[in-house]
Structure formats: C-alpha cells, structure tokens
C-alpha cells in the first residue's frame, strides 16, 4: 500500500476481526491505518465501527468519522480487541441461533423471525450468517474461540455445513435454500 497509495491516504480495512495494528505494521504509516467495519445489510445498517490500532492517529480517527458522517452513517470509536465490539456480540447471537436450530428449538425461519420482531434486528442471525458466508462466519468463530475461549466454540452445525459446501447465498444453500 505504501507504494501504490498516496502518502496522505488513510489505509482502512472493512474487517470484522482482523487486527488494524498488524495491518499497520506492514506499512510505513501506521498512524494512518484503521478498521472501518460496516455491517450487513450495509444499506439498512447505520453504524460504522471505527477500530483504532495501536498507533492510529487522532487525525485518522477524525477523518474516518467525517467520512462516515458524509455517507450518512453513525460511528463508534472502539479500541482494538479480538472481535472488536459488535462482532463479538453478534457471533454469540448467531452461534446460539445455530445451536437452537441444531437441537430443534425452532426452524431457521422462526428463530430469525423471533429476532427480527422481538429484538428489532433487520435480519435474523441465520439469514445474516448466510449473507456473510458460513465459511467466513466459521473463520471468525474459530479466531474468537482461539483468542477469547470456550464461549466462542463454533456450533457443530456450522462446521458441518461448511464441510458440506453449504456456505450460504454464495453457493445457493446454507441455513436457507436460495436455489428456488
């Protein structure tokens, strides 16, 4: 990035788990590195989570906030920690929804409907996992499990679906069937 991006450019990543500090360590401008985490579905979600790396400058944070506001988003400033803020909570919700589906608490449709109508989520956790990609969700869960411990152990149904190639919307099948 140092070679190809103008010297004044902010180097931002839209990641839900990757370390902006580690990314910044690969550049000559760590003060200009930040994670700007958008949420799915992007058109409906108002938040950008701004995750500061160890050396992210105040100027980079201020410019990132101004960028977010210029596109009609709200921002929150988060210090780097595995899973940041929203992804840590969202992975737990999604993993629990998968556990509930696996043991027969309800159908995918009813679990998602309960979250949408009961907690005002724009998408249910299983729909969201299908949108993000079950392989991506599994990698995030494995990372959080390795760094934060047992409560992030991936649900067995998630592991099974990924092994079977059921990755969600991108393959046509996940917790829902998109081939119809």
N, C-alpha and C. Protein backbone atom coordinates (compact mmCIF):
# COMPACT_ATOMS: atom_id res chain seq x y z
N UNK A 1 0.82 -1.19 0.00
CA UNK A 1 0.00 0.00 0.00
C UNK A 1 0.87 1.25 0.00
N UNK A 2 1.99 1.21 0.70
CA UNK A 2 2.88 2.38 0.71
C UNK A 2 3.30 2.77 -0.70
N UNK A 3 3.53 1.78 -1.55
CA UNK A 3 3.99 2.01 -2.91
C UNK A 3 2.89 2.57 -3.80
N UNK A 4 1.65 2.13 -3.61
CA UNK A 4 0.58 2.45 -4.54
C UNK A 4 -0.38 3.54 -4.07
N UNK A 5 -0.51 3.75 -2.79
CA UNK A 5 -1.46 4.76 -2.28
C UNK A 5 -0.73 6.08 -2.02
N UNK A 6 -1.40 7.19 -2.29
CA UNK A 6 -0.77 8.49 -1.99
C UNK A 6 -0.36 8.56 -0.52
N UNK A 7 0.68 9.32 -0.24
CA UNK A 7 1.21 9.41 1.13
C UNK A 7 0.18 9.90 2.14
N UNK A 8 -0.78 10.70 1.70
CA UNK A 8 -1.78 11.25 2.61
C UNK A 8 -2.97 10.30 2.84
N UNK A 9 -3.04 9.20 2.07
CA UNK A 9 -4.19 8.30 2.12
C UNK A 9 -4.28 7.57 3.46
N UNK A 10 -5.51 7.43 3.91
CA UNK A 10 -5.80 6.58 5.06
C UNK A 10 -5.95 5.16 4.54
N UNK A 11 -5.33 4.22 5.21
CA UNK A 11 -5.42 2.82 4.84
C UNK A 11 -6.45 2.17 5.78
N UNK A 12 -7.64 1.94 5.24
CA UNK A 12 -8.74 1.41 6.05
C UNK A 12 -9.14 0.03 5.55
N UNK A 13 -9.50 -0.83 6.46
CA UNK A 13 -9.99 -2.16 6.13
C UNK A 13 -11.39 -2.32 6.70
N UNK A 14 -12.25 -2.99 5.95
CA UNK A 14 -13.59 -3.32 6.43
C UNK A 14 -13.54 -4.76 6.92
N UNK A 15 -13.09 -4.93 8.13
CA UNK A 15 -12.93 -6.27 8.67
C UNK A 15 -13.75 -6.39 9.94
N UNK A 16 -14.15 -7.61 10.25
CA UNK A 16 -14.88 -7.83 11.48
C UNK A 16 -13.99 -8.41 12.57
N UNK A 17 -12.77 -8.83 12.22
CA UNK A 17 -11.89 -9.42 13.23
C UNK A 17 -10.41 -9.12 13.05
N UNK A 18 -9.96 -8.78 11.84
CA UNK A 18 -8.51 -8.62 11.62
C UNK A 18 -7.95 -7.43 12.39
N UNK A 19 -6.73 -7.55 12.83
CA UNK A 19 -6.07 -6.54 13.65
C UNK A 19 -5.57 -5.36 12.82
N UNK A 20 -6.09 -4.15 13.07
CA UNK A 20 -5.53 -2.98 12.36
C UNK A 20 -4.08 -2.72 12.77
N UNK A 21 -3.68 -3.12 13.96
CA UNK A 21 -2.29 -2.96 14.39
C UNK A 21 -1.37 -3.84 13.55
N UNK A 22 -1.77 -5.09 13.30
CA UNK A 22 -0.97 -6.00 12.49
C UNK A 22 -0.90 -5.53 11.05
N UNK A 23 -2.02 -5.02 10.53
CA UNK A 23 -2.02 -4.49 9.17
C UNK A 23 -1.10 -3.28 9.09
N UNK A 24 -1.20 -2.39 10.08
CA UNK A 24 -0.39 -1.17 10.12
C UNK A 24 1.10 -1.48 10.19
N UNK A 25 1.45 -2.58 10.83
CA UNK A 25 2.86 -2.95 10.97
C UNK A 25 3.50 -3.27 9.62
N UNK A 26 2.69 -3.49 8.60
CA UNK A 26 3.20 -3.79 7.27
C UNK A 26 3.39 -2.54 6.42
N UNK A 27 3.14 -1.37 7.00
CA UNK A 27 3.24 -0.11 6.26
C UNK A 27 4.28 0.80 6.92
N UNK A 28 4.57 1.89 6.24
CA UNK A 28 5.43 2.93 6.81
C UNK A 28 4.61 4.05 7.43
N UNK A 29 3.31 3.84 7.53
CA UNK A 29 2.41 4.87 8.07
C UNK A 29 1.34 4.27 8.98
N UNK A 30 1.76 3.67 10.08
CA UNK A 30 0.79 3.02 10.97
C UNK A 30 -0.23 3.99 11.57
N UNK A 31 0.11 5.25 11.67
CA UNK A 31 -0.84 6.24 12.19
C UNK A 31 -2.02 6.46 11.28
N UNK A 32 -1.88 6.06 10.00
CA UNK A 32 -2.94 6.26 9.01
C UNK A 32 -3.73 4.97 8.74
N UNK A 33 -3.59 3.99 9.61
CA UNK A 33 -4.31 2.72 9.45
C UNK A 33 -5.43 2.60 10.47
N UNK A 34 -6.57 2.12 10.00
CA UNK A 34 -7.75 1.97 10.86
C UNK A 34 -8.65 0.89 10.26
N UNK A 35 -9.46 0.29 11.08
CA UNK A 35 -10.50 -0.61 10.58
C UNK A 35 -11.82 0.16 10.61
N UNK A 36 -12.52 0.17 9.50
CA UNK A 36 -13.85 0.77 9.40
C UNK A 36 -14.81 -0.36 9.07
N UNK A 37 -15.45 -0.87 10.11
CA UNK A 37 -16.28 -2.06 9.98
C UNK A 37 -17.73 -1.66 9.68
N UNK A 38 -18.14 -1.91 8.43
CA UNK A 38 -19.53 -1.72 8.04
C UNK A 38 -20.30 -2.98 8.38
N UNK A 39 -21.62 -2.88 8.52
CA UNK A 39 -22.44 -4.02 8.92
C UNK A 39 -23.42 -4.39 7.82
N UNK A 40 -23.76 -5.66 7.77
CA UNK A 40 -24.70 -6.18 6.78
C UNK A 40 -26.11 -6.24 7.35
N UNK A 41 -27.09 -5.92 6.55
CA UNK A 41 -27.00 -5.41 5.19
C UNK A 41 -26.63 -3.92 5.21
N UNK A 42 -25.58 -3.56 4.50
CA UNK A 42 -25.00 -2.21 4.55
C UNK A 42 -26.03 -1.10 4.30
N UNK A 43 -26.92 -1.23 3.32
CA UNK A 43 -27.87 -0.13 3.10
C UNK A 43 -28.81 0.13 4.29
N UNK A 44 -29.09 -0.90 5.08
CA UNK A 44 -30.01 -0.76 6.21
C UNK A 44 -29.30 -0.39 7.51
N UNK A 45 -28.06 -0.76 7.64
CA UNK A 45 -27.37 -0.58 8.92
C UNK A 45 -26.68 0.78 8.96
N UNK A 46 -26.90 1.50 10.03
CA UNK A 46 -26.43 2.88 10.14
C UNK A 46 -25.02 3.00 10.72
N UNK A 47 -24.47 1.93 11.23
CA UNK A 47 -23.23 2.00 12.01
C UNK A 47 -21.97 1.70 11.21
N UNK A 48 -20.92 2.44 11.51
CA UNK A 48 -19.55 2.07 11.15
C UNK A 48 -18.78 2.01 12.47
N UNK A 49 -18.23 0.87 12.76
CA UNK A 49 -17.40 0.68 13.94
C UNK A 49 -15.97 1.06 13.53
N UNK A 50 -15.41 2.10 14.16
CA UNK A 50 -14.04 2.54 13.85
C UNK A 50 -13.13 1.91 14.88
N UNK A 51 -12.24 1.02 14.44
CA UNK A 51 -11.35 0.33 15.36
C UNK A 51 -9.94 0.88 15.19
N UNK A 52 -9.44 1.44 16.27
CA UNK A 52 -8.11 2.05 16.27
C UNK A 52 -7.05 0.98 16.53
N UNK A 53 -6.00 1.03 15.75
CA UNK A 53 -4.84 0.21 16.02
C UNK A 53 -3.98 0.89 17.07
N UNK A 54 -2.92 0.24 17.46
CA UNK A 54 -2.03 0.77 18.49
C UNK A 54 -1.52 2.17 18.17
N UNK A 55 -1.22 2.43 16.90
CA UNK A 55 -0.64 3.73 16.52
C UNK A 55 -1.57 4.59 15.66
N UNK A 56 -2.84 4.24 15.57
CA UNK A 56 -3.77 5.06 14.78
C UNK A 56 -3.83 6.47 15.35
N UNK A 57 -3.66 7.46 14.49
CA UNK A 57 -3.62 8.85 14.95
C UNK A 57 -5.02 9.41 15.18
N UNK A 58 -5.08 10.46 15.99
CA UNK A 58 -6.36 11.16 16.22
C UNK A 58 -6.88 11.75 14.92
N UNK A 59 -5.97 12.22 14.07
CA UNK A 59 -6.36 12.78 12.78
C UNK A 59 -7.04 11.72 11.92
N UNK A 60 -6.49 10.50 11.91
CA UNK A 60 -7.09 9.41 11.14
C UNK A 60 -8.48 9.09 11.65
N UNK A 61 -8.63 9.06 12.97
CA UNK A 61 -9.95 8.80 13.56
C UNK A 61 -10.93 9.91 13.18
N UNK A 62 -10.51 11.16 13.29
CA UNK A 62 -11.38 12.29 12.96
C UNK A 62 -11.78 12.27 11.49
N UNK A 63 -10.84 11.99 10.61
CA UNK A 63 -11.15 11.94 9.18
C UNK A 63 -12.07 10.75 8.85
N UNK A 64 -11.89 9.64 9.54
CA UNK A 64 -12.74 8.47 9.33
C UNK A 64 -14.16 8.76 9.81
N UNK A 65 -14.27 9.46 10.92
CA UNK A 65 -15.59 9.84 11.44
C UNK A 65 -16.29 10.76 10.45
N UNK A 66 -15.56 11.74 9.94
CA UNK A 66 -16.13 12.67 8.96
C UNK A 66 -16.57 11.94 7.70
N UNK A 67 -15.79 10.97 7.26
CA UNK A 67 -16.16 10.15 6.11
C UNK A 67 -17.48 9.43 6.39
N UNK A 68 -17.56 8.78 7.54
CA UNK A 68 -18.79 8.06 7.91
C UNK A 68 -20.01 8.97 7.89
N UNK A 69 -19.86 10.14 8.50
CA UNK A 69 -20.97 11.09 8.53
C UNK A 69 -21.34 11.56 7.13
N UNK A 70 -20.34 11.70 6.25
CA UNK A 70 -20.60 12.18 4.89
C UNK A 70 -21.43 11.19 4.07
N UNK A 71 -21.42 9.93 4.46
CA UNK A 71 -22.23 8.93 3.76
C UNK A 71 -23.46 8.52 4.58
N UNK A 72 -23.78 9.33 5.59
CA UNK A 72 -25.00 9.12 6.36
C UNK A 72 -24.93 8.03 7.41
N UNK A 73 -23.74 7.72 7.88
CA UNK A 73 -23.59 6.67 8.90
C UNK A 73 -23.23 7.29 10.25
N UNK A 74 -23.55 6.58 11.30
CA UNK A 74 -23.11 6.90 12.66
C UNK A 74 -21.82 6.11 12.90
N UNK A 75 -20.96 6.63 13.76
CA UNK A 75 -19.72 5.92 14.07
C UNK A 75 -19.57 5.73 15.57
N UNK A 76 -18.86 4.70 15.93
CA UNK A 76 -18.41 4.49 17.31
C UNK A 76 -16.92 4.23 17.25
N UNK A 77 -16.21 4.70 18.25
CA UNK A 77 -14.76 4.54 18.33
C UNK A 77 -14.45 3.40 19.29
N UNK A 78 -13.80 2.38 18.77
CA UNK A 78 -13.52 1.16 19.54
C UNK A 78 -12.02 0.91 19.57
N UNK A 79 -11.52 0.56 20.73
CA UNK A 79 -10.12 0.16 20.84
C UNK A 79 -10.00 -1.29 20.37
N UNK A 80 -8.89 -1.58 19.73
CA UNK A 80 -8.69 -2.93 19.19
C UNK A 80 -8.68 -3.98 20.28
N UNK A 81 -9.46 -5.03 20.04
CA UNK A 81 -9.52 -6.21 20.89
C UNK A 81 -10.18 -7.28 20.03
N UNK A 82 -9.83 -8.55 20.17
CA UNK A 82 -10.40 -9.57 19.30
C UNK A 82 -11.93 -9.49 19.19
N UNK A 83 -12.40 -9.41 17.95
CA UNK A 83 -13.83 -9.34 17.69
C UNK A 83 -14.41 -7.95 17.82
N UNK A 84 -13.57 -7.01 18.25
CA UNK A 84 -13.99 -5.62 18.43
C UNK A 84 -15.20 -5.58 19.37
N UNK A 85 -16.27 -4.91 19.00
CA UNK A 85 -17.43 -4.79 19.88
C UNK A 85 -18.62 -5.58 19.32
N UNK A 86 -19.13 -5.13 18.20
CA UNK A 86 -20.36 -5.71 17.65
C UNK A 86 -20.14 -7.16 17.21
N UNK A 87 -19.03 -7.45 16.56
CA UNK A 87 -18.80 -8.82 16.08
C UNK A 87 -18.73 -9.82 17.23
N UNK A 88 -18.16 -9.40 18.34
CA UNK A 88 -18.11 -10.31 19.50
C UNK A 88 -19.51 -10.69 19.94
N UNK A 89 -20.38 -9.69 20.05
CA UNK A 89 -21.76 -9.97 20.48
C UNK A 89 -22.54 -10.71 19.39
N UNK A 90 -22.36 -10.28 18.14
CA UNK A 90 -23.11 -10.86 17.04
C UNK A 90 -22.73 -12.32 16.81
N UNK A 91 -21.46 -12.65 16.96
CA UNK A 91 -21.05 -14.05 16.81
C UNK A 91 -21.70 -14.92 17.86
N UNK A 92 -21.83 -14.41 19.08
CA UNK A 92 -22.50 -15.18 20.13
C UNK A 92 -23.97 -15.40 19.81
N UNK A 93 -24.63 -14.34 19.34
CA UNK A 93 -26.05 -14.45 18.99
C UNK A 93 -26.23 -15.46 17.85
N UNK A 94 -25.41 -15.32 16.80
CA UNK A 94 -25.51 -16.24 15.67
C UNK A 94 -25.21 -17.67 16.04
N UNK A 95 -24.19 -17.86 16.86
CA UNK A 95 -23.81 -19.20 17.28
C UNK A 95 -24.93 -19.83 18.12
N UNK A 96 -25.54 -19.04 18.98
CA UNK A 96 -26.64 -19.57 19.79
C UNK A 96 -27.84 -19.90 18.92
N UNK A 97 -28.12 -19.08 17.90
CA UNK A 97 -29.21 -19.39 16.97
C UNK A 97 -28.94 -20.72 16.28
N UNK A 98 -27.68 -20.96 15.90
CA UNK A 98 -27.32 -22.22 15.26
C UNK A 98 -27.51 -23.39 16.23
N UNK A 99 -27.10 -23.20 17.48
CA UNK A 99 -27.30 -24.25 18.48
C UNK A 99 -28.79 -24.53 18.68
N UNK A 100 -29.60 -23.47 18.70
CA UNK A 100 -31.05 -23.64 18.85
C UNK A 100 -31.64 -24.41 17.68
N UNK A 101 -31.19 -24.09 16.47
CA UNK A 101 -31.65 -24.80 15.28
C UNK A 101 -31.23 -26.27 15.36
N UNK A 102 -29.99 -26.51 15.74
CA UNK A 102 -29.44 -27.86 15.79
C UNK A 102 -30.21 -28.76 16.75
N UNK A 103 -30.64 -28.22 17.90
CA UNK A 103 -31.35 -29.06 18.88
C UNK A 103 -32.86 -29.02 18.72
N UNK A 104 -33.34 -28.27 17.71
CA UNK A 104 -34.77 -28.30 17.40
C UNK A 104 -35.64 -27.32 18.16
N UNK A 105 -35.07 -26.25 18.69
CA UNK A 105 -35.88 -25.25 19.39
C UNK A 105 -36.89 -24.62 18.43
N UNK A 106 -36.48 -24.43 17.19
CA UNK A 106 -37.37 -23.87 16.18
C UNK A 106 -36.74 -23.99 14.82
N UNK A 107 -37.49 -23.65 13.81
CA UNK A 107 -36.97 -23.65 12.44
C UNK A 107 -36.10 -22.42 12.24
N UNK A 108 -35.30 -22.43 11.19
CA UNK A 108 -34.49 -21.25 10.86
C UNK A 108 -35.39 -20.04 10.69
N UNK A 109 -36.50 -20.24 9.99
CA UNK A 109 -37.43 -19.14 9.74
C UNK A 109 -37.97 -18.56 11.04
N UNK A 110 -38.38 -19.42 11.97
CA UNK A 110 -38.97 -18.93 13.22
C UNK A 110 -37.93 -18.31 14.15
N UNK A 111 -36.74 -18.86 14.19
CA UNK A 111 -35.67 -18.26 15.01
C UNK A 111 -35.35 -16.87 14.48
N UNK A 112 -35.20 -16.74 13.16
CA UNK A 112 -34.91 -15.44 12.57
C UNK A 112 -36.07 -14.46 12.78
N UNK A 113 -37.28 -14.93 12.58
CA UNK A 113 -38.46 -14.07 12.77
C UNK A 113 -38.53 -13.56 14.21
N UNK A 114 -38.21 -14.41 15.17
CA UNK A 114 -38.22 -14.01 16.57
C UNK A 114 -37.23 -12.88 16.84
N UNK A 115 -36.05 -12.98 16.25
CA UNK A 115 -35.04 -11.94 16.45
C UNK A 115 -35.43 -10.64 15.75
N UNK A 116 -36.01 -10.75 14.57
CA UNK A 116 -36.42 -9.55 13.83
C UNK A 116 -37.57 -8.84 14.54
N UNK A 117 -38.57 -9.59 14.97
CA UNK A 117 -39.73 -8.96 15.59
C UNK A 117 -39.57 -8.73 17.09
N UNK A 118 -38.81 -9.60 17.74
CA UNK A 118 -38.63 -9.47 19.18
C UNK A 118 -37.53 -8.52 19.60
N UNK A 119 -36.48 -8.40 18.79
CA UNK A 119 -35.35 -7.54 19.14
C UNK A 119 -35.08 -6.47 18.07
N UNK A 120 -35.96 -6.37 17.09
CA UNK A 120 -35.87 -5.34 16.06
C UNK A 120 -34.60 -5.42 15.22
N UNK A 121 -34.11 -6.63 15.00
CA UNK A 121 -32.96 -6.82 14.12
C UNK A 121 -33.45 -6.76 12.68
N UNK A 122 -32.72 -6.13 11.76
CA UNK A 122 -33.17 -6.07 10.37
C UNK A 122 -33.12 -7.41 9.65
N UNK A 123 -32.27 -8.30 10.13
CA UNK A 123 -32.18 -9.67 9.60
C UNK A 123 -32.03 -10.61 10.79
N UNK A 124 -32.49 -11.83 10.62
CA UNK A 124 -32.25 -12.82 11.65
C UNK A 124 -30.80 -13.28 11.61
N UNK A 125 -30.31 -13.88 12.69
CA UNK A 125 -28.91 -14.30 12.76
C UNK A 125 -28.54 -15.39 11.76
N UNK A 126 -29.48 -16.23 11.39
CA UNK A 126 -29.18 -17.28 10.41
C UNK A 126 -29.19 -16.71 9.00
N UNK A 127 -30.10 -15.80 8.71
CA UNK A 127 -30.09 -15.08 7.43
C UNK A 127 -28.79 -14.30 7.26
N UNK A 128 -28.37 -13.65 8.33
CA UNK A 128 -27.14 -12.86 8.29
C UNK A 128 -25.93 -13.75 8.05
N UNK A 129 -25.88 -14.89 8.72
CA UNK A 129 -24.76 -15.82 8.51
C UNK A 129 -24.72 -16.27 7.05
N UNK A 130 -25.88 -16.55 6.46
CA UNK A 130 -25.94 -16.93 5.06
C UNK A 130 -25.44 -15.80 4.16
N UNK A 131 -25.78 -14.57 4.50
CA UNK A 131 -25.35 -13.42 3.70
C UNK A 131 -23.84 -13.22 3.78
N UNK A 132 -23.30 -13.28 4.99
CA UNK A 132 -21.86 -13.09 5.20
C UNK A 132 -21.07 -14.25 4.60
N UNK A 133 -21.63 -15.43 4.68
CA UNK A 133 -20.96 -16.65 4.24
C UNK A 133 -20.62 -17.50 5.44
N UNK A 134 -21.07 -18.74 5.41
CA UNK A 134 -20.84 -19.61 6.57
C UNK A 134 -19.36 -19.90 6.77
N UNK A 135 -18.59 -19.92 5.70
CA UNK A 135 -17.15 -20.12 5.83
C UNK A 135 -16.51 -18.91 6.52
N UNK A 136 -16.96 -17.73 6.18
CA UNK A 136 -16.45 -16.52 6.83
C UNK A 136 -16.85 -16.51 8.30
N UNK A 137 -18.10 -16.86 8.59
CA UNK A 137 -18.56 -16.89 9.98
C UNK A 137 -17.77 -17.93 10.78
N UNK A 138 -17.49 -19.08 10.17
CA UNK A 138 -16.71 -20.11 10.86
C UNK A 138 -15.30 -19.61 11.16
N UNK A 139 -14.65 -18.97 10.18
CA UNK A 139 -13.30 -18.43 10.44
C UNK A 139 -13.33 -17.42 11.58
N UNK A 140 -14.32 -16.56 11.59
CA UNK A 140 -14.43 -15.58 12.68
C UNK A 140 -14.63 -16.27 14.02
N UNK A 141 -15.50 -17.27 14.05
CA UNK A 141 -15.75 -18.00 15.30
C UNK A 141 -14.49 -18.74 15.76
N UNK A 142 -13.77 -19.34 14.84
CA UNK A 142 -12.54 -20.06 15.21
C UNK A 142 -11.51 -19.09 15.78
N UNK A 143 -11.38 -17.92 15.19
CA UNK A 143 -10.45 -16.91 15.69
C UNK A 143 -10.87 -16.46 17.10
N UNK A 144 -12.14 -16.18 17.28
CA UNK A 144 -12.61 -15.75 18.60
C UNK A 144 -12.47 -16.87 19.62
N UNK A 145 -12.71 -18.10 19.22
CA UNK A 145 -12.54 -19.24 20.10
C UNK A 145 -11.07 -19.37 20.54
N UNK A 146 -10.15 -19.21 19.59
CA UNK A 146 -8.72 -19.30 19.91
C UNK A 146 -8.26 -18.17 20.82
N UNK A 147 -8.80 -16.98 20.61
CA UNK A 147 -8.32 -15.81 21.37
C UNK A 147 -9.12 -15.51 22.64
N UNK A 148 -10.40 -15.85 22.64
CA UNK A 148 -11.25 -15.47 23.78
C UNK A 148 -11.84 -16.65 24.56
N UNK A 149 -11.73 -17.85 24.02
CA UNK A 149 -12.11 -19.01 24.81
C UNK A 149 -13.41 -19.70 24.45
N UNK A 150 -13.78 -20.58 25.34
CA UNK A 150 -14.81 -21.60 25.14
C UNK A 150 -16.17 -21.06 24.66
N UNK A 151 -16.60 -19.92 25.15
CA UNK A 151 -17.94 -19.46 24.78
C UNK A 151 -18.06 -19.16 23.28
N UNK A 152 -16.93 -19.09 22.59
CA UNK A 152 -16.94 -18.86 21.15
C UNK A 152 -16.71 -20.13 20.33
N UNK A 153 -16.79 -21.29 20.96
CA UNK A 153 -16.63 -22.55 20.22
C UNK A 153 -17.70 -22.61 19.13
N UNK A 154 -17.29 -22.81 17.86
CA UNK A 154 -18.28 -22.84 16.78
C UNK A 154 -19.28 -23.97 16.95
N UNK A 155 -20.53 -23.68 16.68
CA UNK A 155 -21.59 -24.68 16.72
C UNK A 155 -21.28 -25.80 15.73
N UNK A 156 -21.49 -27.06 16.12
CA UNK A 156 -21.21 -28.17 15.21
C UNK A 156 -21.95 -28.11 13.88
N UNK A 157 -23.16 -27.56 13.86
CA UNK A 157 -23.89 -27.48 12.59
C UNK A 157 -23.20 -26.53 11.61
N UNK A 158 -22.57 -25.48 12.14
CA UNK A 158 -21.83 -24.55 11.28
C UNK A 158 -20.65 -25.27 10.63
N UNK A 159 -19.91 -26.01 11.43
CA UNK A 159 -18.76 -26.77 10.92
C UNK A 159 -19.23 -27.77 9.86
N UNK A 160 -20.32 -28.47 10.14
CA UNK A 160 -20.86 -29.47 9.21
C UNK A 160 -21.28 -28.83 7.90
N UNK A 161 -21.99 -27.71 7.96
CA UNK A 161 -22.45 -27.05 6.74
C UNK A 161 -21.27 -26.58 5.89
N UNK A 162 -20.25 -26.04 6.52
CA UNK A 162 -19.08 -25.57 5.77
C UNK A 162 -18.39 -26.76 5.10
N UNK A 163 -18.21 -27.85 5.83
CA UNK A 163 -17.59 -29.04 5.25
C UNK A 163 -18.40 -29.59 4.07
N UNK A 164 -19.71 -29.40 4.12
CA UNK A 164 -20.59 -29.89 3.06
C UNK A 164 -20.66 -28.91 1.88
N UNK A 165 -20.01 -27.76 2.01
CA UNK A 165 -20.05 -26.77 0.94
C UNK A 165 -21.27 -25.88 0.97
N UNK A 166 -22.05 -25.96 2.05
CA UNK A 166 -23.23 -25.10 2.21
C UNK A 166 -22.76 -23.80 2.86
N UNK A 167 -22.40 -22.84 2.03
CA UNK A 167 -21.78 -21.61 2.53
C UNK A 167 -22.73 -20.42 2.56
N UNK A 168 -24.00 -20.64 2.28
CA UNK A 168 -24.96 -19.54 2.29
C UNK A 168 -25.29 -19.08 0.89
N UNK A 169 -25.58 -17.79 0.78
CA UNK A 169 -26.02 -17.22 -0.50
C UNK A 169 -25.03 -17.47 -1.63
N UNK A 170 -23.73 -17.44 -1.33
CA UNK A 170 -22.74 -17.56 -2.41
C UNK A 170 -22.73 -18.93 -3.06
N UNK A 171 -23.24 -19.96 -2.38
CA UNK A 171 -23.33 -21.28 -3.00
C UNK A 171 -24.77 -21.70 -3.26
N UNK A 172 -25.70 -20.88 -2.84
CA UNK A 172 -27.12 -21.17 -3.07
C UNK A 172 -27.79 -21.91 -1.93
N UNK A 173 -27.01 -22.36 -0.96
CA UNK A 173 -27.58 -23.10 0.15
C UNK A 173 -26.76 -22.88 1.41
N UNK A 174 -27.45 -22.65 2.49
CA UNK A 174 -26.85 -22.50 3.81
C UNK A 174 -27.92 -22.93 4.79
N UNK A 175 -28.33 -22.01 5.66
CA UNK A 175 -29.47 -22.31 6.53
C UNK A 175 -30.76 -22.20 5.75
N UNK A 176 -30.71 -21.52 4.62
CA UNK A 176 -31.84 -21.38 3.69
C UNK A 176 -31.40 -21.89 2.32
N UNK A 177 -32.38 -22.22 1.49
CA UNK A 177 -32.13 -22.67 0.13
C UNK A 177 -32.43 -21.50 -0.81
N UNK A 178 -31.42 -21.01 -1.51
CA UNK A 178 -31.57 -19.88 -2.42
C UNK A 178 -31.64 -20.31 -3.87
N UNK A 179 -31.73 -21.61 -4.12
CA UNK A 179 -31.76 -22.11 -5.49
C UNK A 179 -33.15 -22.10 -6.09
N UNK A 180 -34.16 -21.89 -5.26
CA UNK A 180 -35.56 -21.90 -5.74
C UNK A 180 -35.90 -20.62 -6.45
